[in-house]
Amino acid sequence: MAIIINPISPVAFSVIGVDIRWYALAYIAAFIIGYFLFKRLTNTPGAEITLSKKRLDDLLTAVIAGVIIGGRLGYVLFYNLPFFIAHPLEIFAIWHGGMSFHGGLAGVIIATFLFAKNTRRAWSILDVMAVVAPIGLFFGRIANFINMEVMGRPTTVPWGVVFRGDTPIPRHPSPLYEAATEGIALFILTYCLYRYTNLRRYPGALAGIMGAGYAVCRIFCEQFRAPDAQIGFLTSWGLTMGQLLSGVMFIAGTAIFITALRRKK
């Protein structure tokens, strides 16, 4: 028997006629919590990188720009290019949804290297971000579930979800799967590795683990997530765009991790 849920409005509340959406609140919560966690981790004994408050604020600005610009361009290029070519102004309508994690990650990496202006320093910053990033993934997937986005494939499992007024076919609550794996599990893994091992002394090692770990979680969860309607499956055996991009990400993350371990401390 499926779990029947009343649809939740994508608008959390309104202020003087301006709608504040859950999706926006998810980003705000992720950036605020991520900021303070980053600050805490870089102020602990043995931290490989320290930043003044001004530099940390500058980094936050760069990361926000990287996430938004990279995430949106990634979605435009990889997930719905024909639509955006026909409707170019929709590229800027990010409140309609449509962000790519892989594009956002690329944007953050570029922003960090531009900010650091030093390869070793950039990798040390990205190692701390590897601990922080799953927080944003968690809140983002919860917002996806509220918006009834990227829902799962039809299922007969007892925790299948049906939103009233939508299709009566029970579906996997795949955004919650991703929140649990890409968010909670990946955060626990990266946090423990950062705090209780010496991997943080090898710039890039934790960033590589986070990249490869996310790829594994995403490839697994895509088995339950319905493919994007405008793309469908890329192959006859069921490969999705998310799995393809994550496969490339796994290779890159593994290579970064191995290179970091071989690099001199």
Protein backbone atom coordinates (compact mmCIF):
# COMPACT_ATOMS: atom_id res chain seq x y z
CA MET A 1 0.00 0.00 0.00
CA ALA A 2 1.38 3.38 -1.03
CA ILE A 3 1.86 6.40 1.19
CA ILE A 4 -0.55 9.12 0.06
CA ILE A 5 0.66 12.69 0.59
CA ASN A 6 -1.06 16.00 0.03
CA PRO A 7 1.01 18.16 -2.33
CA ILE A 8 3.08 20.83 -0.61
CA SER A 9 3.09 24.30 -2.13
CA PRO A 10 6.49 25.19 -3.61
CA VAL A 11 6.00 28.63 -2.01
CA ALA A 12 6.92 28.57 1.69
CA PHE A 13 5.54 32.05 2.41
CA SER A 14 5.17 35.50 0.89
CA VAL A 15 6.65 38.82 1.99
CA ILE A 16 4.99 42.00 0.68
CA GLY A 17 3.79 40.08 -2.33
CA VAL A 18 7.10 38.34 -3.04
CA ASP A 19 6.93 34.54 -2.97
CA ILE A 20 9.70 32.83 -1.02
CA ARG A 21 10.07 29.29 -2.31
CA TRP A 22 11.29 26.21 -0.49
CA TYR A 23 13.96 25.83 -3.16
CA ALA A 24 15.39 29.25 -2.27
CA LEU A 25 15.24 28.47 1.45
CA ALA A 26 17.14 25.24 0.83
CA TYR A 27 19.97 27.18 -0.81
CA ILE A 28 19.98 29.80 1.94
CA ALA A 29 20.09 27.16 4.70
CA ALA A 30 22.88 25.29 2.92
CA PHE A 31 25.03 28.39 2.49
CA ILE A 32 24.52 29.60 6.07
CA ILE A 33 25.19 26.23 7.72
CA GLY A 34 28.02 25.52 5.30
CA TYR A 35 29.63 28.89 6.08
CA PHE A 36 29.74 28.29 9.82
CA LEU A 37 30.87 24.67 9.48
CA PHE A 38 33.66 25.71 7.11
CA LYS A 39 34.70 28.38 9.61
CA ARG A 40 34.68 25.88 12.46
CA LEU A 41 36.72 23.27 10.59
CA THR A 42 39.35 25.77 9.50
CA ASN A 43 39.71 27.09 13.06
CA THR A 44 40.42 23.71 14.66
CA PRO A 45 43.95 22.60 15.61
CA GLY A 46 45.70 20.88 12.72
CA ALA A 47 43.63 22.61 10.02
CA GLU A 48 45.52 22.81 6.74
CA ILE A 49 43.93 26.12 5.73
CA THR A 50 42.93 29.24 7.67
CA LEU A 51 41.10 32.26 6.34
CA SER A 52 40.35 35.66 7.81
CA LYS A 53 36.71 36.67 8.10
CA LYS A 54 37.01 38.93 5.06
CA ARG A 55 38.61 36.20 2.98
CA LEU A 56 35.99 33.71 4.14
CA ASP A 57 33.23 36.14 3.13
CA ASP A 58 34.90 36.58 -0.26
CA LEU A 59 35.09 32.81 -0.66
CA LEU A 60 31.40 32.45 0.19
CA THR A 61 30.54 35.01 -2.49
CA ALA A 62 32.67 33.16 -5.05
CA VAL A 63 31.12 29.80 -4.13
CA ILE A 64 27.56 31.14 -4.38
CA ALA A 65 28.33 32.51 -7.83
CA GLY A 66 29.95 29.23 -8.87
CA VAL A 67 27.02 27.13 -7.64
CA ILE A 68 24.34 29.25 -9.30
CA ILE A 69 26.09 29.96 -12.60
CA GLY A 70 27.65 26.51 -12.96
CA GLY A 71 24.55 24.67 -11.79
CA ARG A 72 22.29 26.51 -14.17
CA LEU A 73 24.61 26.28 -17.18
CA GLY A 74 25.12 22.58 -16.48
CA TYR A 75 21.37 22.00 -16.58
CA VAL A 76 20.99 24.09 -19.74
CA LEU A 77 23.79 22.29 -21.59
CA PHE A 78 23.26 18.71 -20.46
CA TYR A 79 19.57 18.38 -19.71
CA ASN A 80 17.43 20.68 -21.86
CA LEU A 81 19.51 22.56 -24.44
CA PRO A 82 16.91 22.56 -27.28
CA PHE A 83 14.31 24.16 -24.99
CA PHE A 84 16.65 26.92 -23.83
CA ILE A 85 17.81 27.62 -27.37
CA ALA A 86 14.16 28.21 -28.25
CA HIS A 87 13.49 30.17 -25.02
CA PRO A 88 16.79 31.87 -24.07
CA LEU A 89 15.25 34.12 -21.41
CA GLU A 90 14.24 31.03 -19.45
CA ILE A 91 17.93 30.46 -18.72
CA PHE A 92 17.68 33.19 -16.10
CA ALA A 93 14.42 31.89 -14.54
CA ILE A 94 16.13 29.71 -11.95
CA TRP A 95 13.06 29.97 -9.69
CA HIS A 96 11.37 27.57 -12.13
CA GLY A 97 13.87 24.91 -11.06
CA GLY A 98 16.55 23.17 -13.07
CA MET A 99 20.02 23.01 -11.55
CA SER A 100 22.74 20.46 -12.26
CA PHE A 101 24.96 19.29 -9.41
CA HIS A 102 27.73 18.39 -11.82
CA GLY A 103 27.62 21.87 -13.34
CA GLY A 104 27.50 23.47 -9.90
CA LEU A 105 30.52 21.42 -8.82
CA ALA A 106 32.49 22.58 -11.85
CA GLY A 107 31.50 26.16 -11.05
CA VAL A 108 32.67 25.83 -7.44
CA ILE A 109 36.01 24.32 -8.48
CA ILE A 110 36.65 27.12 -10.97
CA ALA A 111 35.60 29.78 -8.44
CA THR A 112 37.86 28.27 -5.78
CA PHE A 113 40.93 28.20 -8.00
CA LEU A 114 40.30 31.80 -9.07
CA PHE A 115 39.91 32.76 -5.41
CA ALA A 116 42.96 30.89 -4.10
CA LYS A 117 45.40 31.76 -6.90
CA ASN A 118 47.51 28.85 -5.66
CA THR A 119 46.96 25.22 -6.61
CA ARG A 120 47.87 23.67 -3.26
CA ARG A 121 45.82 26.21 -1.34
CA ALA A 122 42.84 25.68 -3.67
CA TRP A 123 42.88 21.91 -3.08
CA SER A 124 43.06 22.43 0.70
CA ILE A 125 39.98 24.67 0.49
CA LEU A 126 38.17 22.12 -1.66
CA ASP A 127 38.94 19.43 0.93
CA VAL A 128 37.02 21.40 3.56
CA MET A 129 34.25 22.03 1.04
CA ALA A 130 34.04 18.27 0.56
CA VAL A 131 32.76 18.08 4.13
CA VAL A 132 30.39 21.01 3.68
CA ALA A 133 28.91 20.15 0.27
CA PRO A 134 26.70 17.22 1.39
CA ILE A 135 24.74 19.65 3.59
CA GLY A 136 23.66 21.52 0.48
CA LEU A 137 22.84 18.26 -1.27
CA PHE A 138 20.61 17.23 1.64
CA PHE A 139 18.59 20.44 1.67
CA GLY A 140 18.39 20.52 -2.12
CA ARG A 141 16.93 17.00 -2.32
CA ILE A 142 14.37 17.79 0.38
CA ALA A 143 13.31 20.79 -1.70
CA ASN A 144 13.07 18.49 -4.75
CA PHE A 145 10.70 16.23 -2.83
CA ILE A 146 8.54 19.16 -1.70
CA ASN A 147 8.35 20.38 -5.31
CA MET A 148 7.56 16.83 -6.53
CA GLU A 149 10.62 17.01 -8.78
CA VAL A 150 12.89 14.21 -10.03
CA MET A 151 10.56 11.64 -8.52
CA GLY A 152 11.20 7.95 -8.79
CA ARG A 153 10.07 5.16 -11.06
CA PRO A 154 6.83 3.22 -10.44
CA THR A 155 7.12 0.75 -7.58
CA THR A 156 5.19 -1.72 -5.46
CA VAL A 157 7.26 -1.23 -2.29
CA PRO A 158 5.15 -0.20 0.74
CA TRP A 159 6.92 3.16 1.03
CA GLY A 160 6.03 4.16 -2.51
CA VAL A 161 4.55 7.67 -2.63
CA VAL A 162 1.46 9.07 -4.32
CA PHE A 163 0.77 12.81 -4.28
CA ARG A 164 -2.95 13.61 -4.27
CA GLY A 165 -4.03 15.05 -7.61
CA ASP A 166 -1.00 13.61 -9.38
CA THR A 167 -0.67 10.21 -11.06
CA PRO A 168 -2.15 7.42 -8.90
CA ILE A 169 0.85 5.19 -9.60
CA PRO A 170 3.09 4.81 -6.51
CA ARG A 171 6.65 5.96 -7.12
CA HIS A 172 9.94 5.68 -5.31
CA PRO A 173 10.58 8.82 -3.21
CA SER A 174 13.96 9.06 -4.91
CA PRO A 175 14.79 12.59 -3.68
CA LEU A 176 14.68 11.19 -0.14
CA TYR A 177 17.00 8.35 -1.15
CA GLU A 178 19.43 10.94 -2.47
CA ALA A 179 19.06 13.11 0.64
CA ALA A 180 19.98 10.08 2.76
CA THR A 181 22.95 8.91 0.66
CA GLU A 182 24.40 12.00 -1.03
CA GLY A 183 23.52 14.12 1.99
CA ILE A 184 23.64 12.34 5.33
CA ALA A 185 25.87 9.34 4.53
CA LEU A 186 28.37 11.34 2.49
CA PHE A 187 28.56 14.02 5.18
CA ILE A 188 29.30 11.46 7.89
CA LEU A 189 31.99 9.87 5.71
CA THR A 190 33.79 13.09 4.76
CA TYR A 191 33.49 14.61 8.23
CA CYS A 192 34.97 11.56 9.94
CA LEU A 193 37.79 11.33 7.40
CA TYR A 194 38.59 15.00 7.86
CA ARG A 195 38.52 14.97 11.67
CA TYR A 196 39.96 11.55 12.48
CA THR A 197 42.47 10.76 9.74
CA ASN A 198 45.50 12.46 8.20
CA LEU A 199 43.95 12.68 4.74
CA ARG A 200 43.45 16.44 5.13
CA ARG A 201 47.26 16.74 5.02
CA TYR A 202 47.20 15.59 1.39
CA PRO A 203 45.55 18.47 -0.55
CA GLY A 204 42.88 17.10 -2.86
CA ALA A 205 42.45 13.70 -1.20
CA LEU A 206 39.15 14.47 0.52
CA ALA A 207 37.87 16.36 -2.50
CA GLY A 208 38.56 13.27 -4.60
CA ILE A 209 36.80 11.01 -2.11
CA MET A 210 33.78 13.30 -2.03
CA GLY A 211 33.59 13.37 -5.83
CA ALA A 212 33.88 9.61 -6.19
CA GLY A 213 31.53 9.02 -3.24
CA TYR A 214 28.87 11.28 -4.68
CA ALA A 215 29.17 9.51 -8.02
CA VAL A 216 28.57 6.11 -6.41
CA CYS A 217 25.53 7.40 -4.49
CA ARG A 218 24.08 9.10 -7.56
CA ILE A 219 24.57 6.10 -9.84
CA PHE A 220 22.86 3.90 -7.24
CA CYS A 221 19.92 6.27 -6.68
CA GLU A 222 19.40 6.72 -10.42
CA GLN A 223 18.27 3.09 -10.46
CA PHE A 224 15.11 4.27 -8.68
CA ARG A 225 14.77 7.77 -10.16
CA ALA A 226 12.73 8.35 -13.28
CA PRO A 227 14.85 9.71 -16.15
CA ASP A 228 14.30 13.30 -17.19
CA ALA A 229 11.26 13.39 -19.45
CA GLN A 230 12.96 15.52 -22.13
CA ILE A 231 15.91 13.08 -22.34
CA GLY A 232 14.75 9.64 -21.29
CA PHE A 233 17.27 6.81 -21.23
CA LEU A 234 20.46 7.30 -23.21
CA THR A 235 20.81 3.61 -24.05
CA SER A 236 18.56 0.61 -24.53
CA TRP A 237 19.84 -0.86 -21.24
CA GLY A 238 18.77 2.14 -19.18
CA LEU A 239 21.72 4.53 -18.83
CA THR A 240 20.65 7.99 -17.64
CA MET A 241 22.36 11.34 -18.09
CA GLY A 242 22.94 11.51 -14.34
CA GLN A 243 24.72 8.15 -14.40
CA LEU A 244 26.83 9.12 -17.39
CA LEU A 245 28.00 12.36 -15.78
CA SER A 246 28.54 10.59 -12.46
CA GLY A 247 30.64 7.92 -14.15
CA VAL A 248 32.96 10.61 -15.48
CA MET A 249 32.95 12.21 -12.03
CA PHE A 250 33.92 8.91 -10.37
CA ILE A 251 36.93 8.54 -12.65
CA ALA A 252 37.98 12.15 -12.04
CA GLY A 253 37.51 11.88 -8.27
CA THR A 254 39.52 8.66 -8.08
CA ALA A 255 42.32 10.18 -10.15
CA ILE A 256 42.40 13.27 -7.91
CA PHE A 257 42.54 11.09 -4.78
CA ILE A 258 45.41 8.93 -6.09
CA THR A 259 47.34 11.99 -7.29
CA ALA A 260 46.89 13.67 -3.89
CA LEU A 261 48.33 10.66 -2.04
CA ARG A 262 51.33 10.53 -4.36
CA ARG A 263 51.99 14.25 -4.01
CA LYS A 264 54.56 15.30 -1.41
CA LYS A 265 53.07 16.56 1.86
